[in-house]
Amino acid sequence: MINGKRIAVVLPLITREDVGSDGAGITDLVDIRILVDDHSTDRTIEVARRLGLQSFVHNRNYGYGRNQQTCYREALAAGPM
């Protein structure tokens, strides 16, 4: 929480099982960490869950724009602020 506000960070990813290097630095700074996996073919979701990231997986690859839409929808549903 910063200045009394809950902070959400979203990660729209595909095929990035090295998410640990992307997500590790933000884990202590924010309240809500959401990863949306756009149907990866590697272990992205497994690594994200191990890091404690809230995770959502698309049932097929919808592309970056749809992935961002899912990120924002899920962030708003999680209730930041």
PDB file of N, CA and C in Angstrom:
ATOM      1  N   MET A   1       0.838  -1.162   0.000  1.00  0.00           N
ATOM      2  CA  MET A   1       0.000   0.000   0.000  1.00  0.00           C
ATOM      3  C   MET A   1       0.894   1.241   0.000  1.00  0.00           C
ATOM      4  N   ILE A   2       0.548   2.172  -0.834  1.00  0.00           N
ATOM      5  CA  ILE A   2       1.292   3.429  -0.923  1.00  0.00           C
ATOM      6  C   ILE A   2       0.294   4.560  -0.724  1.00  0.00           C
ATOM      7  N   ASN A   3       0.562   5.413   0.260  1.00  0.00           N
ATOM      8  CA  ASN A   3      -0.338   6.532   0.571  1.00  0.00           C
ATOM      9  C   ASN A   3      -1.775   6.070   0.772  1.00  0.00           C
ATOM     10  N   GLY A   4      -1.945   4.922   1.414  1.00  0.00           N
ATOM     11  CA  GLY A   4      -3.281   4.411   1.696  1.00  0.00           C
ATOM     12  C   GLY A   4      -3.989   3.787   0.512  1.00  0.00           C
ATOM     13  N   LYS A   5      -3.297   3.610  -0.595  1.00  0.00           N
ATOM     14  CA  LYS A   5      -3.896   3.039  -1.809  1.00  0.00           C
ATOM     15  C   LYS A   5      -3.324   1.655  -2.073  1.00  0.00           C
ATOM     16  N   ARG A   6      -4.200   0.707  -2.403  1.00  0.00           N
ATOM     17  CA  ARG A   6      -3.740  -0.620  -2.828  1.00  0.00           C
ATOM     18  C   ARG A   6      -3.262  -0.512  -4.265  1.00  0.00           C
ATOM     19  N   ILE A   7      -2.141  -1.133  -4.556  1.00  0.00           N
ATOM     20  CA  ILE A   7      -1.523  -1.043  -5.875  1.00  0.00           C
ATOM     21  C   ILE A   7      -1.595  -2.405  -6.565  1.00  0.00           C
ATOM     22  N   ALA A   8      -2.019  -2.386  -7.821  1.00  0.00           N
ATOM     23  CA  ALA A   8      -2.078  -3.612  -8.625  1.00  0.00           C
ATOM     24  C   ALA A   8      -1.099  -3.492  -9.787  1.00  0.00           C
ATOM     25  N   VAL A   9      -0.416  -4.589 -10.066  1.00  0.00           N
ATOM     26  CA  VAL A   9       0.469  -4.679 -11.231  1.00  0.00           C
ATOM     27  C   VAL A   9       0.010  -5.863 -12.052  1.00  0.00           C
ATOM     28  N   VAL A  10      -0.096  -5.658 -13.364  1.00  0.00           N
ATOM     29  CA  VAL A  10      -0.512  -6.735 -14.258  1.00  0.00           C
ATOM     30  C   VAL A  10       0.621  -7.084 -15.206  1.00  0.00           C
ATOM     31  N   LEU A  11       0.729  -8.361 -15.520  1.00  0.00           N
ATOM     32  CA  LEU A  11       1.766  -8.857 -16.423  1.00  0.00           C
ATOM     33  C   LEU A  11       1.101  -9.647 -17.548  1.00  0.00           C
ATOM     34  N   PRO A  12       0.920  -9.049 -18.727  1.00  0.00           N
ATOM     35  CA  PRO A  12       0.375  -9.795 -19.859  1.00  0.00           C
ATOM     36  C   PRO A  12       1.524 -10.544 -20.550  1.00  0.00           C
ATOM     37  N   LEU A  13       1.568 -11.854 -20.388  1.00  0.00           N
ATOM     38  CA  LEU A  13       2.710 -12.620 -20.902  1.00  0.00           C
ATOM     39  C   LEU A  13       2.285 -13.791 -21.754  1.00  0.00           C
ATOM     40  N   ILE A  14       3.204 -14.222 -22.598  1.00  0.00           N
ATOM     41  CA  ILE A  14       3.098 -15.483 -23.323  1.00  0.00           C
ATOM     42  C   ILE A  14       4.505 -16.036 -23.463  1.00  0.00           C
ATOM     43  N   THR A  15       4.621 -17.302 -23.159  1.00  0.00           N
ATOM     44  CA  THR A  15       5.873 -18.036 -23.284  1.00  0.00           C
ATOM     45  C   THR A  15       7.023 -17.283 -22.627  1.00  0.00           C
ATOM     46  N   ARG A  16       6.888 -17.084 -21.334  1.00  0.00           N
ATOM     47  CA  ARG A  16       7.923 -16.398 -20.556  1.00  0.00           C
ATOM     48  C   ARG A  16       8.121 -17.110 -19.235  1.00  0.00           C
ATOM     49  N   GLU A  17       8.560 -18.336 -19.270  1.00  0.00           N
ATOM     50  CA  GLU A  17       8.727 -19.064 -18.017  1.00  0.00           C
ATOM     51  C   GLU A  17       9.816 -18.454 -17.142  1.00  0.00           C
ATOM     52  N   ASP A  18      10.555 -17.493 -17.671  1.00  0.00           N
ATOM     53  CA  ASP A  18      11.526 -16.784 -16.853  1.00  0.00           C
ATOM     54  C   ASP A  18      10.869 -15.588 -16.161  1.00  0.00           C
ATOM     55  N   VAL A  19       9.557 -15.659 -15.960  1.00  0.00           N
ATOM     56  CA  VAL A  19       8.814 -14.594 -15.300  1.00  0.00           C
ATOM     57  C   VAL A  19       9.407 -14.262 -13.938  1.00  0.00           C
ATOM     58  N   GLY A  20      10.129 -15.184 -13.344  1.00  0.00           N
ATOM     59  CA  GLY A  20      10.769 -14.921 -12.064  1.00  0.00           C
ATOM     60  C   GLY A  20      11.652 -13.701 -12.121  1.00  0.00           C
ATOM     61  N   SER A  21      12.365 -13.529 -13.214  1.00  0.00           N
ATOM     62  CA  SER A  21      13.227 -12.359 -13.327  1.00  0.00           C
ATOM     63  C   SER A  21      12.402 -11.100 -13.568  1.00  0.00           C
ATOM     64  N   ASP A  22      11.220 -11.234 -14.166  1.00  0.00           N
ATOM     65  CA  ASP A  22      10.347 -10.084 -14.387  1.00  0.00           C
ATOM     66  C   ASP A  22       9.565  -9.735 -13.133  1.00  0.00           C
ATOM     67  N   GLY A  23       9.081 -10.745 -12.438  1.00  0.00           N
ATOM     68  CA  GLY A  23       8.164 -10.526 -11.338  1.00  0.00           C
ATOM     69  C   GLY A  23       8.795 -10.409  -9.977  1.00  0.00           C
ATOM     70  N   ALA A  24      10.015 -10.846  -9.816  1.00  0.00           N
ATOM     71  CA  ALA A  24      10.620 -10.883  -8.493  1.00  0.00           C
ATOM     72  C   ALA A  24      10.793  -9.498  -7.893  1.00  0.00           C
ATOM     73  N   GLY A  25      11.141  -8.513  -8.670  1.00  0.00           N
ATOM     74  CA  GLY A  25      11.401  -7.187  -8.151  1.00  0.00           C
ATOM     75  C   GLY A  25      10.168  -6.433  -7.701  1.00  0.00           C
ATOM     76  N   ILE A  26       8.996  -6.829  -8.139  1.00  0.00           N
ATOM     77  CA  ILE A  26       7.786  -6.097  -7.772  1.00  0.00           C
ATOM     78  C   ILE A  26       7.015  -6.741  -6.635  1.00  0.00           C
ATOM     79  N   THR A  27       7.374  -7.929  -6.233  1.00  0.00           N
ATOM     80  CA  THR A  27       6.545  -8.667  -5.290  1.00  0.00           C
ATOM     81  C   THR A  27       6.378  -7.979  -3.945  1.00  0.00           C
ATOM     82  N   ASP A  28       7.342  -7.246  -3.461  1.00  0.00           N
ATOM     83  CA  ASP A  28       7.230  -6.598  -2.157  1.00  0.00           C
ATOM     84  C   ASP A  28       6.689  -5.163  -2.241  1.00  0.00           C
ATOM     85  N   LEU A  29       6.562  -4.639  -3.424  1.00  0.00           N
ATOM     86  CA  LEU A  29       6.162  -3.246  -3.574  1.00  0.00           C
ATOM     87  C   LEU A  29       4.674  -3.050  -3.822  1.00  0.00           C
ATOM     88  N   VAL A  30       3.977  -4.104  -4.216  1.00  0.00           N
ATOM     89  CA  VAL A  30       2.576  -3.962  -4.604  1.00  0.00           C
ATOM     90  C   VAL A  30       1.701  -4.934  -3.824  1.00  0.00           C
ATOM     91  N   ASP A  31       0.414  -4.651  -3.805  1.00  0.00           N
ATOM     92  CA  ASP A  31      -0.544  -5.481  -3.081  1.00  0.00           C
ATOM     93  C   ASP A  31      -1.117  -6.598  -3.942  1.00  0.00           C
ATOM     94  N   ILE A  32      -1.327  -6.325  -5.211  1.00  0.00           N
ATOM     95  CA  ILE A  32      -1.973  -7.280  -6.111  1.00  0.00           C
ATOM     96  C   ILE A  32      -1.065  -7.489  -7.320  1.00  0.00           C
ATOM     97  N   ARG A  33      -0.705  -8.739  -7.568  1.00  0.00           N
ATOM     98  CA  ARG A  33       0.149  -9.093  -8.707  1.00  0.00           C
ATOM     99  C   ARG A  33      -0.616 -10.093  -9.563  1.00  0.00           C
ATOM    100  N   ILE A  34      -0.930  -9.701 -10.784  1.00  0.00           N
ATOM    101  CA  ILE A  34      -1.750 -10.528 -11.666  1.00  0.00           C
ATOM    102  C   ILE A  34      -0.993 -10.825 -12.944  1.00  0.00           C
ATOM    103  N   LEU A  35      -0.902 -12.099 -13.279  1.00  0.00           N
ATOM    104  CA  LEU A  35      -0.310 -12.523 -14.540  1.00  0.00           C
ATOM    105  C   LEU A  35      -1.405 -13.143 -15.393  1.00  0.00           C
ATOM    106  N   VAL A  36      -1.513 -12.688 -16.630  1.00  0.00           N
ATOM    107  CA  VAL A  36      -2.432 -13.298 -17.581  1.00  0.00           C
ATOM    108  C   VAL A  36      -1.595 -13.965 -18.656  1.00  0.00           C
ATOM    109  N   ASP A  37      -1.751 -15.274 -18.756  1.00  0.00           N
ATOM    110  CA  ASP A  37      -0.996 -16.097 -19.693  1.00  0.00           C
ATOM    111  C   ASP A  37      -1.849 -16.303 -20.947  1.00  0.00           C
ATOM    112  N   ASP A  38      -1.368 -15.813 -22.058  1.00  0.00           N
ATOM    113  CA  ASP A  38      -2.107 -15.901 -23.323  1.00  0.00           C
ATOM    114  C   ASP A  38      -1.821 -17.228 -24.031  1.00  0.00           C
ATOM    115  N   HIS A  39      -2.048 -18.313 -23.317  1.00  0.00           N
ATOM    116  CA  HIS A  39      -1.925 -19.682 -23.825  1.00  0.00           C
ATOM    117  C   HIS A  39      -0.472 -20.049 -24.175  1.00  0.00           C
ATOM    118  N   SER A  40       0.397 -19.901 -23.194  1.00  0.00           N
ATOM    119  CA  SER A  40       1.806 -20.243 -23.386  1.00  0.00           C
ATOM    120  C   SER A  40       1.998 -21.734 -23.623  1.00  0.00           C
ATOM    121  N   THR A  41       3.113 -22.058 -24.247  1.00  0.00           N
ATOM    122  CA  THR A  41       3.455 -23.460 -24.492  1.00  0.00           C
ATOM    123  C   THR A  41       4.578 -23.925 -23.581  1.00  0.00           C
ATOM    124  N   ASP A  42       4.994 -23.068 -22.652  1.00  0.00           N
ATOM    125  CA  ASP A  42       6.056 -23.440 -21.724  1.00  0.00           C
ATOM    126  C   ASP A  42       5.503 -23.467 -20.300  1.00  0.00           C
ATOM    127  N   ARG A  43       6.337 -23.260 -19.306  1.00  0.00           N
ATOM    128  CA  ARG A  43       5.939 -23.361 -17.900  1.00  0.00           C
ATOM    129  C   ARG A  43       5.639 -22.009 -17.265  1.00  0.00           C
ATOM    130  N   THR A  44       5.233 -21.032 -18.060  1.00  0.00           N
ATOM    131  CA  THR A  44       4.966 -19.688 -17.544  1.00  0.00           C
ATOM    132  C   THR A  44       4.014 -19.722 -16.359  1.00  0.00           C
ATOM    133  N   ILE A  45       2.882 -20.388 -16.490  1.00  0.00           N
ATOM    134  CA  ILE A  45       1.868 -20.385 -15.440  1.00  0.00           C
ATOM    135  C   ILE A  45       2.360 -21.106 -14.190  1.00  0.00           C
ATOM    136  N   GLU A  46       3.114 -22.174 -14.375  1.00  0.00           N
ATOM    137  CA  GLU A  46       3.674 -22.913 -13.237  1.00  0.00           C
ATOM    138  C   GLU A  46       4.615 -22.020 -12.423  1.00  0.00           C
ATOM    139  N   VAL A  47       5.475 -21.309 -13.115  1.00  0.00           N
ATOM    140  CA  VAL A  47       6.422 -20.409 -12.443  1.00  0.00           C
ATOM    141  C   VAL A  47       5.672 -19.268 -11.762  1.00  0.00           C
ATOM    142  N   ALA A  48       4.673 -18.702 -12.430  1.00  0.00           N
ATOM    143  CA  ALA A  48       3.893 -17.609 -11.850  1.00  0.00           C
ATOM    144  C   ALA A  48       3.208 -18.036 -10.561  1.00  0.00           C
ATOM    145  N   ARG A  49       2.624 -19.195 -10.565  1.00  0.00           N
ATOM    146  CA  ARG A  49       1.944 -19.688  -9.361  1.00  0.00           C
ATOM    147  C   ARG A  49       2.938 -19.947  -8.238  1.00  0.00           C
ATOM    148  N   ARG A  50       4.105 -20.466  -8.590  1.00  0.00           N
ATOM    149  CA  ARG A  50       5.137 -20.701  -7.576  1.00  0.00           C
ATOM    150  C   ARG A  50       5.572 -19.385  -6.935  1.00  0.00           C
ATOM    151  N   LEU A  51       5.562 -18.303  -7.703  1.00  0.00           N
ATOM    152  CA  LEU A  51       5.920 -16.982  -7.189  1.00  0.00           C
ATOM    153  C   LEU A  51       4.769 -16.329  -6.427  1.00  0.00           C
ATOM    154  N   GLY A  52       3.619 -16.977  -6.404  1.00  0.00           N
ATOM    155  CA  GLY A  52       2.474 -16.430  -5.699  1.00  0.00           C
ATOM    156  C   GLY A  52       1.708 -15.372  -6.461  1.00  0.00           C
ATOM    157  N   LEU A  53       1.894 -15.332  -7.779  1.00  0.00           N
ATOM    158  CA  LEU A  53       1.159 -14.371  -8.595  1.00  0.00           C
ATOM    159  C   LEU A  53      -0.251 -14.894  -8.838  1.00  0.00           C
ATOM    160  N   GLN A  54      -1.225 -14.017  -8.779  1.00  0.00           N
ATOM    161  CA  GLN A  54      -2.584 -14.385  -9.145  1.00  0.00           C
ATOM    162  C   GLN A  54      -2.552 -14.633 -10.654  1.00  0.00           C
ATOM    163  N   SER A  55      -3.050 -15.783 -11.116  1.00  0.00           N
ATOM    164  CA  SER A  55      -2.843 -16.170 -12.510  1.00  0.00           C
ATOM    165  C   SER A  55      -4.142 -16.508 -13.218  1.00  0.00           C
ATOM    166  N   PHE A  56      -4.207 -16.123 -14.477  1.00  0.00           N
ATOM    167  CA  PHE A  56      -5.327 -16.442 -15.349  1.00  0.00           C
ATOM    168  C   PHE A  56      -4.738 -16.927 -16.672  1.00  0.00           C
ATOM    169  N   VAL A  57      -5.360 -17.945 -17.251  1.00  0.00           N
ATOM    170  CA  VAL A  57      -4.855 -18.540 -18.485  1.00  0.00           C
ATOM    171  C   VAL A  57      -5.935 -18.493 -19.555  1.00  0.00           C
ATOM    172  N   HIS A  58      -5.609 -17.939 -20.710  1.00  0.00           N
ATOM    173  CA  HIS A  58      -6.530 -17.989 -21.844  1.00  0.00           C
ATOM    174  C   HIS A  58      -6.544 -19.389 -22.433  1.00  0.00           C
ATOM    175  N   ASN A  59      -7.690 -19.794 -22.960  1.00  0.00           N
ATOM    176  CA  ASN A  59      -7.817 -21.129 -23.548  1.00  0.00           C
ATOM    177  C   ASN A  59      -7.226 -21.211 -24.953  1.00  0.00           C
ATOM    178  N   ARG A  60      -6.835 -20.086 -25.507  1.00  0.00           N
ATOM    179  CA  ARG A  60      -6.103 -20.027 -26.778  1.00  0.00           C
ATOM    180  C   ARG A  60      -5.394 -18.680 -26.824  1.00  0.00           C
ATOM    181  N   ASN A  61      -4.528 -18.486 -27.814  1.00  0.00           N
ATOM    182  CA  ASN A  61      -3.803 -17.228 -27.943  1.00  0.00           C
ATOM    183  C   ASN A  61      -4.723 -16.197 -28.593  1.00  0.00           C
ATOM    184  N   TYR A  62      -5.073 -15.174 -27.825  1.00  0.00           N
ATOM    185  CA  TYR A  62      -5.964 -14.126 -28.330  1.00  0.00           C
ATOM    186  C   TYR A  62      -5.196 -12.895 -28.806  1.00  0.00           C
ATOM    187  N   GLY A  63      -3.921 -12.824 -28.518  1.00  0.00           N
ATOM    188  CA  GLY A  63      -3.134 -11.668 -28.909  1.00  0.00           C
ATOM    189  C   GLY A  63      -2.983 -10.673 -27.770  1.00  0.00           C
ATOM    190  N   TYR A  64      -2.066  -9.742 -27.964  1.00  0.00           N
ATOM    191  CA  TYR A  64      -1.670  -8.831 -26.895  1.00  0.00           C
ATOM    192  C   TYR A  64      -2.818  -7.929 -26.426  1.00  0.00           C
ATOM    193  N   GLY A  65      -3.612  -7.422 -27.348  1.00  0.00           N
ATOM    194  CA  GLY A  65      -4.704  -6.530 -26.969  1.00  0.00           C
ATOM    195  C   GLY A  65      -5.719  -7.204 -26.065  1.00  0.00           C
ATOM    196  N   ARG A  66      -6.121  -8.396 -26.407  1.00  0.00           N
ATOM    197  CA  ARG A  66      -7.081  -9.138 -25.572  1.00  0.00           C
ATOM    198  C   ARG A  66      -6.450  -9.502 -24.236  1.00  0.00           C
ATOM    199  N   ASN A  67      -5.161  -9.810 -24.252  1.00  0.00           N
ATOM    200  CA  ASN A  67      -4.466 -10.129 -23.016  1.00  0.00           C
ATOM    201  C   ASN A  67      -4.484  -8.914 -22.084  1.00  0.00           C
ATOM    202  N   GLN A  68      -4.247  -7.737 -22.620  1.00  0.00           N
ATOM    203  CA  GLN A  68      -4.300  -6.521 -21.817  1.00  0.00           C
ATOM    204  C   GLN A  68      -5.696  -6.286 -21.258  1.00  0.00           C
ATOM    205  N   GLN A  69      -6.719  -6.530 -22.066  1.00  0.00           N
ATOM    206  CA  GLN A  69      -8.091  -6.365 -21.591  1.00  0.00           C
ATOM    207  C   GLN A  69      -8.361  -7.258 -20.388  1.00  0.00           C
ATOM    208  N   THR A  70      -7.902  -8.508 -20.468  1.00  0.00           N
ATOM    209  CA  THR A  70      -8.086  -9.427 -19.350  1.00  0.00           C
ATOM    210  C   THR A  70      -7.332  -8.927 -18.123  1.00  0.00           C
ATOM    211  N   CYS A  71      -6.120  -8.425 -18.319  1.00  0.00           N
ATOM    212  CA  CYS A  71      -5.340  -7.881 -17.200  1.00  0.00           C
ATOM    213  C   CYS A  71      -6.107  -6.775 -16.498  1.00  0.00           C
ATOM    214  N   TYR A  72      -6.613  -5.822 -17.237  1.00  0.00           N
ATOM    215  CA  TYR A  72      -7.297  -4.684 -16.635  1.00  0.00           C
ATOM    216  C   TYR A  72      -8.598  -5.117 -15.961  1.00  0.00           C
ATOM    217  N   ARG A  73      -9.347  -6.017 -16.602  1.00  0.00           N
ATOM    218  CA  ARG A  73     -10.592  -6.501 -16.010  1.00  0.00           C
ATOM    219  C   ARG A  73     -10.331  -7.189 -14.675  1.00  0.00           C
ATOM    220  N   GLU A  74      -9.322  -8.046 -14.648  1.00  0.00           N
ATOM    221  CA  GLU A  74      -9.003  -8.789 -13.418  1.00  0.00           C
ATOM    222  C   GLU A  74      -8.435  -7.868 -12.345  1.00  0.00           C
ATOM    223  N   ALA A  75      -7.671  -6.865 -12.738  1.00  0.00           N
ATOM    224  CA  ALA A  75      -7.147  -5.904 -11.765  1.00  0.00           C
ATOM    225  C   ALA A  75      -8.290  -5.119 -11.121  1.00  0.00           C
ATOM    226  N   LEU A  76      -9.237  -4.683 -11.901  1.00  0.00           N
ATOM    227  CA  LEU A  76     -10.380  -3.954 -11.353  1.00  0.00           C
ATOM    228  C   LEU A  76     -11.234  -4.843 -10.449  1.00  0.00           C
ATOM    229  N   ALA A  77     -11.386  -6.097 -10.849  1.00  0.00           N
ATOM    230  CA  ALA A  77     -12.159  -7.051 -10.031  1.00  0.00           C
ATOM    231  C   ALA A  77     -11.469  -7.328  -8.690  1.00  0.00           C
ATOM    232  N   ALA A  78     -10.145  -7.237  -8.652  1.00  0.00           N
ATOM    233  CA  ALA A  78      -9.400  -7.496  -7.424  1.00  0.00           C
ATOM    234  C   ALA A  78      -9.512  -6.349  -6.426  1.00  0.00           C
ATOM    235  N   GLY A  79      -9.982  -5.212  -6.900  1.00  0.00           N
ATOM    236  CA  GLY A  79     -10.258  -4.107  -5.998  1.00  0.00           C
ATOM    237  C   GLY A  79      -9.079  -3.286  -5.530  1.00  0.00           C
ATOM    238  N   PRO A  80      -8.230  -2.784  -6.425  1.00  0.00           N
ATOM    239  CA  PRO A  80      -7.180  -1.875  -5.953  1.00  0.00           C
ATOM    240  C   PRO A  80      -7.800  -0.564  -5.489  1.00  0.00           C
ATOM    241  N   MET A  81      -7.053   0.223  -4.832  1.00  0.00           N
ATOM    242  CA  MET A  81      -7.441   1.523  -4.290  1.00  0.00           C
ATOM    243  C   MET A  81      -8.194   1.274  -3.045  1.00  0.00           C
TER     244      MET A  81
END
